[in-house]
Amino acid sequence: MSKYQDRFLGGEDIEWERNYFGLMNELKLKNASKYEELAMRLIDGGEELLESNGATYKISVDENGCGYSYRAPEELEFQRISWSQLSQKSEERIDCITNTLAECEARAELKV
């Protein structure tokens, strides 16, 4: 971590990031087989809807990237939250998709 980190983030922000990224890592380990199975289904493209904490998340994969969107309860439209460019190498694509799934689920658990 940079010695200048405190100039950009306060203590609460640093703690929130530690919790968020820690939860992402925990979820990726805990749900590895589920995430990999879903990543294999989506590797060539497609969408999958996930329900969590009363909200709906849409994981989208195409030839260029992977991302997810959020739809609040009683809303009609999805709002894009994250998108990452995908490599053309299968193992890197799977890793990126599983990271996206862990990020999505962490956001849902933390309700952010």
N, C-alpha and C. Protein backbone atom coordinates (compact mmCIF):
# COMPACT_ATOMS: atom_id res chain seq x y z
N MET A 1 0.85 -1.17 0.00
CA MET A 1 0.00 0.00 0.00
C MET A 1 0.90 1.23 0.00
N SER A 2 0.49 2.22 -0.72
CA SER A 2 1.24 3.46 -0.83
C SER A 2 1.28 4.19 0.51
N LYS A 3 2.42 4.86 0.77
CA LYS A 3 2.50 5.65 1.99
C LYS A 3 1.62 6.89 1.90
N TYR A 4 1.12 7.20 0.69
CA TYR A 4 0.26 8.36 0.48
C TYR A 4 -1.22 7.99 0.45
N GLN A 5 -1.53 6.73 0.75
CA GLN A 5 -2.90 6.24 0.67
C GLN A 5 -3.87 7.10 1.47
N ASP A 6 -3.46 7.55 2.64
CA ASP A 6 -4.37 8.30 3.50
C ASP A 6 -4.74 9.66 2.93
N ARG A 7 -4.05 10.13 1.92
CA ARG A 7 -4.41 11.39 1.28
C ARG A 7 -5.66 11.24 0.41
N PHE A 8 -5.92 10.02 -0.02
CA PHE A 8 -7.03 9.77 -0.93
C PHE A 8 -8.22 9.10 -0.25
N LEU A 9 -7.93 8.25 0.70
CA LEU A 9 -9.00 7.51 1.37
C LEU A 9 -8.90 7.71 2.88
N GLY A 10 -10.06 7.90 3.49
CA GLY A 10 -10.10 7.98 4.94
C GLY A 10 -10.11 6.59 5.55
N GLY A 11 -10.00 6.53 6.87
CA GLY A 11 -9.98 5.26 7.57
C GLY A 11 -11.20 4.41 7.31
N GLU A 12 -12.39 5.02 7.28
CA GLU A 12 -13.62 4.27 7.01
C GLU A 12 -13.61 3.69 5.61
N ASP A 13 -13.11 4.46 4.64
CA ASP A 13 -13.04 3.98 3.26
C ASP A 13 -12.07 2.81 3.13
N ILE A 14 -10.94 2.92 3.79
CA ILE A 14 -9.96 1.83 3.74
C ILE A 14 -10.55 0.58 4.36
N GLU A 15 -11.23 0.72 5.48
CA GLU A 15 -11.84 -0.43 6.14
C GLU A 15 -12.93 -1.05 5.26
N TRP A 16 -13.75 -0.19 4.63
CA TRP A 16 -14.79 -0.69 3.73
C TRP A 16 -14.16 -1.48 2.59
N GLU A 17 -13.09 -0.97 1.99
CA GLU A 17 -12.43 -1.68 0.90
C GLU A 17 -11.86 -3.01 1.35
N ARG A 18 -11.26 -3.04 2.53
CA ARG A 18 -10.75 -4.31 3.05
C ARG A 18 -11.87 -5.32 3.20
N ASN A 19 -13.00 -4.89 3.76
CA ASN A 19 -14.15 -5.79 3.92
C ASN A 19 -14.68 -6.26 2.57
N TYR A 20 -14.84 -5.32 1.63
CA TYR A 20 -15.40 -5.62 0.32
C TYR A 20 -14.52 -6.61 -0.45
N PHE A 21 -13.23 -6.31 -0.56
CA PHE A 21 -12.34 -7.18 -1.31
C PHE A 21 -12.09 -8.49 -0.58
N GLY A 22 -12.11 -8.46 0.76
CA GLY A 22 -12.00 -9.69 1.53
C GLY A 22 -13.20 -10.60 1.29
N LEU A 23 -14.40 -10.00 1.26
CA LEU A 23 -15.61 -10.77 0.98
C LEU A 23 -15.57 -11.33 -0.43
N MET A 24 -15.10 -10.56 -1.40
CA MET A 24 -14.97 -11.06 -2.77
C MET A 24 -14.09 -12.30 -2.81
N ASN A 25 -12.93 -12.23 -2.15
CA ASN A 25 -12.01 -13.37 -2.14
C ASN A 25 -12.64 -14.57 -1.44
N GLU A 26 -13.32 -14.33 -0.33
CA GLU A 26 -14.00 -15.40 0.41
C GLU A 26 -15.06 -16.08 -0.46
N LEU A 27 -15.86 -15.26 -1.15
CA LEU A 27 -16.91 -15.81 -2.00
C LEU A 27 -16.33 -16.58 -3.17
N LYS A 28 -15.24 -16.08 -3.74
CA LYS A 28 -14.64 -16.77 -4.88
C LYS A 28 -14.13 -18.15 -4.45
N LEU A 29 -13.56 -18.25 -3.26
CA LEU A 29 -13.10 -19.55 -2.76
C LEU A 29 -14.28 -20.46 -2.41
N LYS A 30 -15.24 -19.92 -1.69
CA LYS A 30 -16.39 -20.68 -1.23
C LYS A 30 -17.25 -21.19 -2.38
N ASN A 31 -17.40 -20.38 -3.42
CA ASN A 31 -18.29 -20.70 -4.54
C ASN A 31 -17.55 -21.04 -5.82
N ALA A 32 -16.31 -21.49 -5.69
CA ALA A 32 -15.46 -21.72 -6.87
C ALA A 32 -16.14 -22.62 -7.91
N SER A 33 -16.69 -23.74 -7.49
CA SER A 33 -17.27 -24.66 -8.48
C SER A 33 -18.52 -24.06 -9.12
N LYS A 34 -19.34 -23.38 -8.33
CA LYS A 34 -20.55 -22.74 -8.88
C LYS A 34 -20.16 -21.65 -9.89
N TYR A 35 -19.18 -20.82 -9.52
CA TYR A 35 -18.75 -19.74 -10.41
C TYR A 35 -18.12 -20.29 -11.69
N GLU A 36 -17.30 -21.33 -11.55
CA GLU A 36 -16.66 -21.90 -12.73
C GLU A 36 -17.68 -22.55 -13.66
N GLU A 37 -18.68 -23.21 -13.09
CA GLU A 37 -19.74 -23.82 -13.90
C GLU A 37 -20.49 -22.74 -14.69
N LEU A 38 -20.83 -21.66 -14.02
CA LEU A 38 -21.53 -20.57 -14.68
C LEU A 38 -20.62 -19.90 -15.72
N ALA A 39 -19.35 -19.72 -15.40
CA ALA A 39 -18.40 -19.12 -16.34
C ALA A 39 -18.26 -19.97 -17.59
N MET A 40 -18.25 -21.29 -17.42
CA MET A 40 -18.14 -22.17 -18.59
C MET A 40 -19.38 -22.05 -19.48
N ARG A 41 -20.54 -21.87 -18.88
CA ARG A 41 -21.76 -21.69 -19.68
C ARG A 41 -21.73 -20.37 -20.43
N LEU A 42 -21.11 -19.36 -19.83
CA LEU A 42 -21.14 -18.02 -20.41
C LEU A 42 -19.88 -17.67 -21.22
N ILE A 43 -18.89 -18.54 -21.26
CA ILE A 43 -17.60 -18.19 -21.84
C ILE A 43 -17.70 -17.67 -23.28
N ASP A 44 -18.63 -18.20 -24.05
CA ASP A 44 -18.78 -17.76 -25.44
C ASP A 44 -19.83 -16.68 -25.61
N GLY A 45 -20.44 -16.25 -24.51
CA GLY A 45 -21.44 -15.20 -24.56
C GLY A 45 -22.75 -15.63 -23.96
N GLY A 46 -23.52 -14.66 -23.55
CA GLY A 46 -24.83 -14.93 -22.99
C GLY A 46 -25.09 -14.09 -21.75
N GLU A 47 -26.23 -14.33 -21.17
CA GLU A 47 -26.64 -13.60 -19.97
C GLU A 47 -27.23 -14.57 -18.97
N GLU A 48 -27.11 -14.21 -17.72
CA GLU A 48 -27.67 -15.01 -16.64
C GLU A 48 -28.21 -14.05 -15.59
N LEU A 49 -29.42 -14.31 -15.12
CA LEU A 49 -30.02 -13.50 -14.05
C LEU A 49 -29.78 -14.17 -12.71
N LEU A 50 -29.39 -13.37 -11.73
CA LEU A 50 -29.17 -13.86 -10.37
C LEU A 50 -30.00 -13.02 -9.42
N GLU A 51 -30.67 -13.68 -8.50
CA GLU A 51 -31.46 -13.00 -7.48
C GLU A 51 -30.68 -13.01 -6.18
N SER A 52 -30.61 -11.85 -5.52
CA SER A 52 -29.91 -11.77 -4.24
C SER A 52 -30.43 -10.60 -3.44
N ASN A 53 -30.79 -10.85 -2.19
CA ASN A 53 -31.28 -9.81 -1.29
C ASN A 53 -32.40 -8.97 -1.89
N GLY A 54 -33.30 -9.61 -2.62
CA GLY A 54 -34.45 -8.94 -3.17
C GLY A 54 -34.20 -8.16 -4.45
N ALA A 55 -32.97 -8.15 -4.92
CA ALA A 55 -32.63 -7.44 -6.15
C ALA A 55 -32.25 -8.45 -7.23
N THR A 56 -32.24 -8.00 -8.47
CA THR A 56 -31.87 -8.85 -9.59
C THR A 56 -30.59 -8.32 -10.22
N TYR A 57 -29.67 -9.23 -10.48
CA TYR A 57 -28.41 -8.89 -11.14
C TYR A 57 -28.35 -9.66 -12.45
N LYS A 58 -27.86 -9.00 -13.48
CA LYS A 58 -27.72 -9.64 -14.78
C LYS A 58 -26.24 -9.68 -15.13
N ILE A 59 -25.71 -10.90 -15.28
CA ILE A 59 -24.33 -11.10 -15.70
C ILE A 59 -24.38 -11.22 -17.22
N SER A 60 -23.57 -10.42 -17.91
CA SER A 60 -23.56 -10.42 -19.38
C SER A 60 -22.14 -10.64 -19.89
N VAL A 61 -22.02 -11.54 -20.86
CA VAL A 61 -20.73 -11.82 -21.47
C VAL A 61 -20.90 -11.79 -22.98
N ASP A 62 -19.97 -11.11 -23.65
CA ASP A 62 -19.93 -11.16 -25.11
C ASP A 62 -18.47 -11.37 -25.53
N GLU A 63 -18.19 -11.29 -26.81
CA GLU A 63 -16.83 -11.56 -27.29
C GLU A 63 -15.81 -10.56 -26.74
N ASN A 64 -16.24 -9.39 -26.31
CA ASN A 64 -15.33 -8.35 -25.85
C ASN A 64 -15.19 -8.24 -24.34
N GLY A 65 -16.25 -8.54 -23.60
CA GLY A 65 -16.17 -8.29 -22.17
C GLY A 65 -17.24 -8.98 -21.36
N CYS A 66 -17.13 -8.73 -20.07
CA CYS A 66 -18.02 -9.33 -19.08
C CYS A 66 -18.41 -8.23 -18.10
N GLY A 67 -19.67 -8.18 -17.76
CA GLY A 67 -20.10 -7.17 -16.80
C GLY A 67 -21.37 -7.61 -16.10
N TYR A 68 -21.80 -6.77 -15.20
CA TYR A 68 -23.07 -7.05 -14.55
C TYR A 68 -23.83 -5.77 -14.32
N SER A 69 -25.13 -5.94 -14.26
CA SER A 69 -26.06 -4.84 -14.07
C SER A 69 -26.96 -5.17 -12.89
N TYR A 70 -27.57 -4.13 -12.35
CA TYR A 70 -28.40 -4.25 -11.15
C TYR A 70 -29.79 -3.70 -11.45
N ARG A 71 -30.81 -4.39 -10.94
CA ARG A 71 -32.17 -3.89 -11.03
C ARG A 71 -32.78 -3.97 -9.64
N ALA A 72 -33.16 -2.83 -9.10
CA ALA A 72 -33.78 -2.78 -7.78
C ALA A 72 -35.17 -3.40 -7.84
N PRO A 73 -35.65 -3.86 -6.68
CA PRO A 73 -37.01 -4.39 -6.65
C PRO A 73 -38.00 -3.35 -7.19
N GLU A 74 -38.96 -3.82 -7.95
CA GLU A 74 -40.01 -3.00 -8.53
C GLU A 74 -39.52 -2.03 -9.61
N GLU A 75 -38.28 -2.16 -10.05
CA GLU A 75 -37.76 -1.36 -11.17
C GLU A 75 -37.84 -2.20 -12.44
N LEU A 76 -37.89 -1.53 -13.58
CA LEU A 76 -37.96 -2.24 -14.85
C LEU A 76 -36.61 -2.31 -15.56
N GLU A 77 -35.78 -1.30 -15.39
CA GLU A 77 -34.53 -1.20 -16.12
C GLU A 77 -33.33 -1.63 -15.26
N PHE A 78 -32.34 -2.20 -15.93
CA PHE A 78 -31.08 -2.55 -15.29
C PHE A 78 -30.11 -1.37 -15.40
N GLN A 79 -29.30 -1.20 -14.39
CA GLN A 79 -28.25 -0.18 -14.38
C GLN A 79 -26.90 -0.91 -14.38
N ARG A 80 -26.05 -0.61 -15.36
CA ARG A 80 -24.75 -1.27 -15.43
C ARG A 80 -23.90 -0.82 -14.25
N ILE A 81 -23.28 -1.78 -13.59
CA ILE A 81 -22.43 -1.51 -12.44
C ILE A 81 -20.96 -1.69 -12.80
N SER A 82 -20.65 -2.74 -13.54
CA SER A 82 -19.25 -3.07 -13.80
C SER A 82 -19.12 -3.72 -15.17
N TRP A 83 -17.96 -3.50 -15.79
CA TRP A 83 -17.64 -4.15 -17.06
C TRP A 83 -16.13 -4.31 -17.13
N SER A 84 -15.66 -5.47 -17.61
CA SER A 84 -14.24 -5.74 -17.77
C SER A 84 -14.01 -6.34 -19.15
N GLN A 85 -12.93 -5.91 -19.78
CA GLN A 85 -12.56 -6.48 -21.07
C GLN A 85 -12.06 -7.90 -20.86
N LEU A 86 -12.44 -8.80 -21.76
CA LEU A 86 -12.04 -10.20 -21.66
C LEU A 86 -10.93 -10.52 -22.64
N SER A 87 -10.04 -11.37 -22.19
CA SER A 87 -8.98 -11.92 -23.03
C SER A 87 -9.60 -12.93 -23.99
N GLN A 88 -8.88 -13.29 -25.01
CA GLN A 88 -9.33 -14.34 -25.91
C GLN A 88 -8.91 -15.72 -25.43
N LYS A 89 -8.05 -15.78 -24.39
CA LYS A 89 -7.61 -17.05 -23.82
C LYS A 89 -8.69 -17.57 -22.87
N SER A 90 -9.08 -18.82 -23.06
CA SER A 90 -10.18 -19.41 -22.29
C SER A 90 -9.97 -19.33 -20.78
N GLU A 91 -8.79 -19.70 -20.29
CA GLU A 91 -8.56 -19.70 -18.85
C GLU A 91 -8.62 -18.29 -18.26
N GLU A 92 -8.17 -17.29 -19.02
CA GLU A 92 -8.26 -15.91 -18.55
C GLU A 92 -9.70 -15.41 -18.59
N ARG A 93 -10.45 -15.83 -19.59
CA ARG A 93 -11.87 -15.45 -19.67
C ARG A 93 -12.63 -16.02 -18.47
N ILE A 94 -12.38 -17.28 -18.16
CA ILE A 94 -13.06 -17.92 -17.03
C ILE A 94 -12.71 -17.21 -15.73
N ASP A 95 -11.44 -16.88 -15.54
CA ASP A 95 -11.02 -16.18 -14.32
C ASP A 95 -11.69 -14.82 -14.20
N CYS A 96 -11.77 -14.08 -15.28
CA CYS A 96 -12.41 -12.77 -15.26
C CYS A 96 -13.91 -12.89 -14.95
N ILE A 97 -14.56 -13.88 -15.55
CA ILE A 97 -15.98 -14.07 -15.30
C ILE A 97 -16.23 -14.47 -13.85
N THR A 98 -15.39 -15.35 -13.30
CA THR A 98 -15.57 -15.74 -11.89
C THR A 98 -15.30 -14.56 -10.96
N ASN A 99 -14.33 -13.71 -11.31
CA ASN A 99 -14.10 -12.50 -10.52
C ASN A 99 -15.33 -11.59 -10.55
N THR A 100 -15.93 -11.46 -11.72
CA THR A 100 -17.13 -10.63 -11.86
C THR A 100 -18.28 -11.19 -11.03
N LEU A 101 -18.43 -12.50 -11.02
CA LEU A 101 -19.48 -13.12 -10.22
C LEU A 101 -19.26 -12.87 -8.73
N ALA A 102 -18.01 -12.98 -8.28
CA ALA A 102 -17.70 -12.73 -6.87
C ALA A 102 -17.95 -11.26 -6.51
N GLU A 103 -17.57 -10.36 -7.41
CA GLU A 103 -17.81 -8.93 -7.18
C GLU A 103 -19.30 -8.65 -7.09
N CYS A 104 -20.06 -9.20 -7.99
CA CYS A 104 -21.51 -9.00 -8.00
C CYS A 104 -22.14 -9.50 -6.70
N GLU A 105 -21.76 -10.71 -6.29
CA GLU A 105 -22.34 -11.28 -5.08
C GLU A 105 -21.90 -10.51 -3.84
N ALA A 106 -20.67 -10.02 -3.81
CA ALA A 106 -20.21 -9.22 -2.67
C ALA A 106 -21.01 -7.93 -2.57
N ARG A 107 -21.24 -7.27 -3.70
CA ARG A 107 -22.06 -6.05 -3.69
C ARG A 107 -23.46 -6.34 -3.19
N ALA A 108 -24.01 -7.47 -3.60
CA ALA A 108 -25.36 -7.82 -3.17
C ALA A 108 -25.39 -8.05 -1.66
N GLU A 109 -24.41 -8.76 -1.13
CA GLU A 109 -24.37 -9.02 0.32
C GLU A 109 -24.18 -7.75 1.13
N LEU A 110 -23.36 -6.82 0.61
CA LEU A 110 -23.11 -5.57 1.32
C LEU A 110 -24.15 -4.50 1.01
N LYS A 111 -25.04 -4.83 0.04
CA LYS A 111 -26.10 -3.90 -0.38
C LYS A 111 -25.54 -2.55 -0.81
N VAL A 112 -24.56 -2.60 -1.73
CA VAL A 112 -23.99 -1.37 -2.30
C VAL A 112 -24.31 -1.27 -3.76
